[in-house]
Protein backbone atom coordinates (compact mmCIF):
# COMPACT_ATOMS: atom_id res chain seq x y z
CA MET A 1 -97.84 -73.65 -25.61
CA ALA A 2 -95.00 -73.08 -23.35
CA VAL A 3 -91.62 -72.45 -24.82
CA PRO A 4 -88.80 -73.74 -22.76
CA GLN A 5 -86.33 -71.04 -21.60
CA ILE A 6 -82.77 -71.40 -20.96
CA GLN A 7 -81.24 -69.47 -18.09
CA ILE A 8 -77.51 -68.89 -18.02
CA GLN A 9 -75.86 -67.47 -15.00
CA SER A 10 -72.11 -66.78 -15.14
CA THR A 11 -69.64 -65.67 -12.50
CA PRO A 12 -66.57 -63.98 -13.88
CA ALA A 13 -63.10 -64.93 -12.75
CA ARG A 14 -61.27 -62.42 -10.57
CA LEU A 15 -57.55 -62.40 -10.19
CA GLY A 16 -55.87 -61.04 -7.07
CA LEU A 17 -52.39 -59.54 -6.99
CA ASN A 18 -49.93 -59.58 -4.10
CA ILE A 19 -47.48 -56.72 -4.74
CA ASP A 20 -44.29 -56.16 -2.78
CA ARG A 21 -43.02 -52.80 -3.98
CA GLY A 22 -39.38 -52.54 -4.97
CA GLU A 23 -37.11 -50.13 -3.10
CA GLN A 24 -34.40 -47.95 -4.51
CA THR A 25 -32.14 -45.67 -2.46
CA ILE A 26 -29.59 -43.24 -3.82
CA ARG A 27 -27.06 -41.51 -1.57
CA GLN A 28 -24.54 -39.00 -2.84
CA PRO A 29 -21.55 -38.57 -0.47
CA LYS A 30 -19.96 -35.13 -0.49
CA ALA A 31 -16.78 -34.72 -2.48
CA GLN A 32 -13.53 -34.25 -0.59
CA GLN A 33 -12.18 -30.82 -1.45
CA SER A 34 -9.12 -28.93 -0.26
CA ILE A 35 -8.04 -25.47 -1.36
CA GLN A 36 -4.65 -23.99 -0.54
CA GLN A 37 -3.65 -20.47 -1.45
CA PRO A 38 0.12 -20.02 -1.35
CA LYS A 39 1.22 -16.54 -0.39
CA ALA A 40 2.37 -14.26 -3.17
CA ASP A 41 6.11 -13.83 -3.57
CA MET A 42 6.91 -10.18 -3.02
CA SER A 43 10.24 -8.41 -2.95
CA ILE A 44 10.92 -4.75 -2.28
CA GLN A 45 14.26 -3.15 -2.99
CA GLN A 46 14.56 0.39 -1.68
CA ARG A 47 17.46 2.49 -2.84
CA PRO A 48 18.52 4.93 -0.14
CA GLY A 49 17.51 8.55 -0.54
CA LYS A 50 20.07 11.33 -0.67
CA LEU A 51 19.91 14.16 1.87
CA THR A 52 22.10 17.21 1.36
CA ILE A 53 22.45 19.78 4.14
CA ASP A 54 24.36 22.98 3.36
CA GLN A 55 24.81 25.15 6.44
CA THR A 56 27.56 27.36 5.07
CA LYS A 57 25.35 30.47 5.23
CA ALA A 58 24.45 29.72 8.86
CA TRP A 59 28.15 29.40 9.83
CA HIS A 60 28.90 32.64 8.03
CA ASN A 61 26.02 34.25 9.91
CA ILE A 62 27.71 33.49 13.27
CA ASP A 63 31.06 34.57 11.81
CA LEU A 64 32.56 31.09 11.53
CA LYS A 65 34.19 31.18 8.13
CA ASN A 66 36.84 29.10 6.41
CA ALA A 67 40.35 30.47 5.83
CA LEU A 68 39.77 31.39 2.19
CA LEU A 69 36.63 33.41 2.95
CA ARG A 70 38.17 34.94 6.08
CA THR A 71 41.18 36.08 4.00
CA LYS A 72 38.90 37.54 1.34
CA ASP A 73 36.85 39.44 3.99
CA THR A 74 40.04 40.69 5.68
CA ALA A 75 41.41 41.87 2.33
CA GLN A 76 38.18 43.81 1.68
CA VAL A 77 38.32 45.42 5.16
CA GLY A 78 42.03 46.20 4.65
CA GLU A 79 41.35 47.84 1.30
CA GLN A 80 38.52 49.87 2.84
CA LYS A 81 40.74 50.98 5.77
CA TRP A 82 43.55 51.81 3.37
CA MET A 83 41.18 54.02 1.33
CA GLN A 84 39.95 55.65 4.54
CA GLY A 85 43.60 56.16 5.59
CA ILE A 86 44.41 57.84 2.28
CA ALA A 87 41.39 60.13 2.70
CA ARG A 88 42.43 60.93 6.31
CA VAL A 89 46.05 61.67 5.36
CA SER A 90 44.84 63.84 2.50
CA SER A 91 42.51 65.85 4.75
CA GLU A 92 45.26 66.18 7.41
CA GLY A 93 47.59 67.41 4.70
CA ASP A 94 44.98 69.98 3.71
CA GLU A 95 44.74 71.10 7.37
CA LEU A 96 48.52 71.50 7.58
CA MET A 97 48.52 73.44 4.34
CA LYS A 98 46.14 75.91 5.91
CA ILE A 99 48.11 76.27 9.16
CA GLU A 100 48.17 79.98 8.60
CA ASN A 101 44.43 80.10 9.27
CA GLY A 102 45.07 79.63 12.95
CA GLY A 103 44.51 76.91 15.42
CA ASN A 104 46.88 74.12 16.24
CA PRO A 105 46.33 71.46 13.59
CA ILE A 106 49.34 69.32 14.63
CA ALA A 107 48.12 68.95 18.23
CA SER A 108 44.54 68.24 17.17
CA GLN A 109 45.74 65.62 14.64
CA ALA A 110 47.94 63.99 17.30
CA GLU A 111 45.00 63.86 19.70
CA ARG A 112 42.73 62.29 17.04
CA ASN A 113 45.31 59.73 15.99
CA SER A 114 46.59 58.78 19.46
CA GLY A 115 43.92 56.13 20.09
CA PHE A 116 42.30 53.70 17.77
CA ASP A 117 38.77 52.55 17.41
CA PHE A 118 37.63 49.06 16.76
CA ASP A 119 34.38 47.32 17.22
CA ILE A 120 33.77 43.61 17.61
CA GLN A 121 30.78 42.27 15.85
CA LEU A 122 29.57 39.14 17.46
CA GLY A 123 28.05 36.60 15.17
CA ARG A 124 24.34 36.31 14.90
CA THR A 125 22.25 33.26 15.67
CA PRO A 126 21.65 30.98 12.68
CA VAL A 127 18.09 30.73 11.45
CA ASN A 128 16.36 27.95 9.54
CA GLU A 129 16.27 29.88 6.29
CA LEU A 130 20.08 29.94 6.21
CA VAL A 131 20.33 26.14 6.13
CA ASP A 132 19.72 24.66 2.69
CA LEU A 133 18.12 21.21 2.78
CA HIS A 134 17.66 19.09 -0.29
CA TYR A 135 16.26 15.56 -0.25
CA GLN A 136 16.16 13.29 -3.25
CA PRO A 137 14.13 10.15 -2.49
CA GLY A 138 15.43 6.78 -3.61
CA GLU A 139 13.41 4.67 -6.00
CA ALA A 140 11.63 1.57 -4.73
CA ASP A 141 11.44 -1.54 -6.89
CA ILE A 142 8.44 -3.66 -5.91
CA SER A 143 8.02 -7.04 -7.51
CA VAL A 144 4.97 -9.22 -6.86
CA GLN A 145 4.49 -12.74 -8.24
CA ARG A 146 1.12 -14.21 -7.45
CA ASN A 147 0.80 -17.95 -6.92
CA GLU A 148 -2.17 -19.88 -8.25
CA PRO A 149 -4.40 -21.64 -5.72
CA ILE A 150 -3.96 -25.40 -5.32
CA ILE A 151 -7.37 -27.06 -5.55
CA ASN A 152 -7.72 -30.82 -4.97
CA VAL A 153 -11.10 -32.48 -5.46
CA GLU A 154 -11.75 -36.16 -4.83
CA ARG A 155 -15.14 -36.95 -6.23
CA ARG A 156 -17.27 -39.72 -4.78
CA ASP A 157 -19.60 -41.88 -6.85
CA PRO A 158 -23.23 -42.11 -5.78
CA GLU A 159 -24.16 -45.13 -3.68
CA THR A 160 -27.27 -46.89 -4.99
CA SER A 161 -29.14 -49.91 -3.70
CA PHE A 162 -32.12 -51.58 -5.36
CA GLN A 163 -34.40 -54.25 -3.95
CA GLN A 164 -36.53 -55.73 -6.66
CA GLY A 165 -40.26 -55.92 -6.01
CA LYS A 166 -42.39 -59.05 -6.42
CA VAL A 167 -45.79 -59.51 -7.89
CA GLY A 168 -47.74 -62.68 -7.02
CA THR A 169 -51.07 -63.65 -8.51
CA TYR A 170 -53.89 -65.77 -7.13
CA MET A 171 -57.46 -66.52 -8.03
CA GLN A 172 -59.68 -64.37 -5.93
CA GLN A 173 -62.81 -65.79 -7.58
CA TYR A 174 -63.01 -68.72 -9.90
CA PRO A 175 -65.20 -68.47 -12.96
CA ASP A 176 -68.44 -70.29 -12.94
CA ILE A 177 -71.24 -70.82 -15.45
CA GLN A 178 -74.62 -72.33 -14.62
CA ILE A 179 -77.11 -73.21 -17.24
CA ASP A 180 -80.72 -73.97 -16.21
CA TRP A 181 -83.78 -75.04 -18.26
CA LYS A 182 -87.17 -73.77 -17.35
CA VAL A 183 -90.32 -74.85 -18.99
């Protein structure tokens, strides 16, 4: 006996997709930036220094003296000459006291005292060591005020664009079922 058989043949459905991809762009423009650095405010105040030059010793060295010093020096020389004169007169008196010893003391004293001696001392050249220099520097006041930099920034927002994508569907293969009887 033959048993009838059923044969089923099916074709599945297949969907197709049409895809248009979306597009997104992002652009970031650079920020506008400016920086300025103002110069620092600076002030300098310099007090003048003080220079003292004392050349008194140098002038004295070349025999250029003021009236007070010249008078003092002359008085010292006069006192010295006076003392020498007293000594000379005393020794001449001693010679005259001993006139009995012979010789001619009056004539020899007259001959000695008839002329006079003097010597001129020219001044000497001044040298650096005789000039006293003293310098006292002046103080300097320095004031600096720094100025902060000026920074300006103008930020820019990002520029974005978006194009939406599309998805379309279609039937690539329709479903099908076939049933067949075989004996």
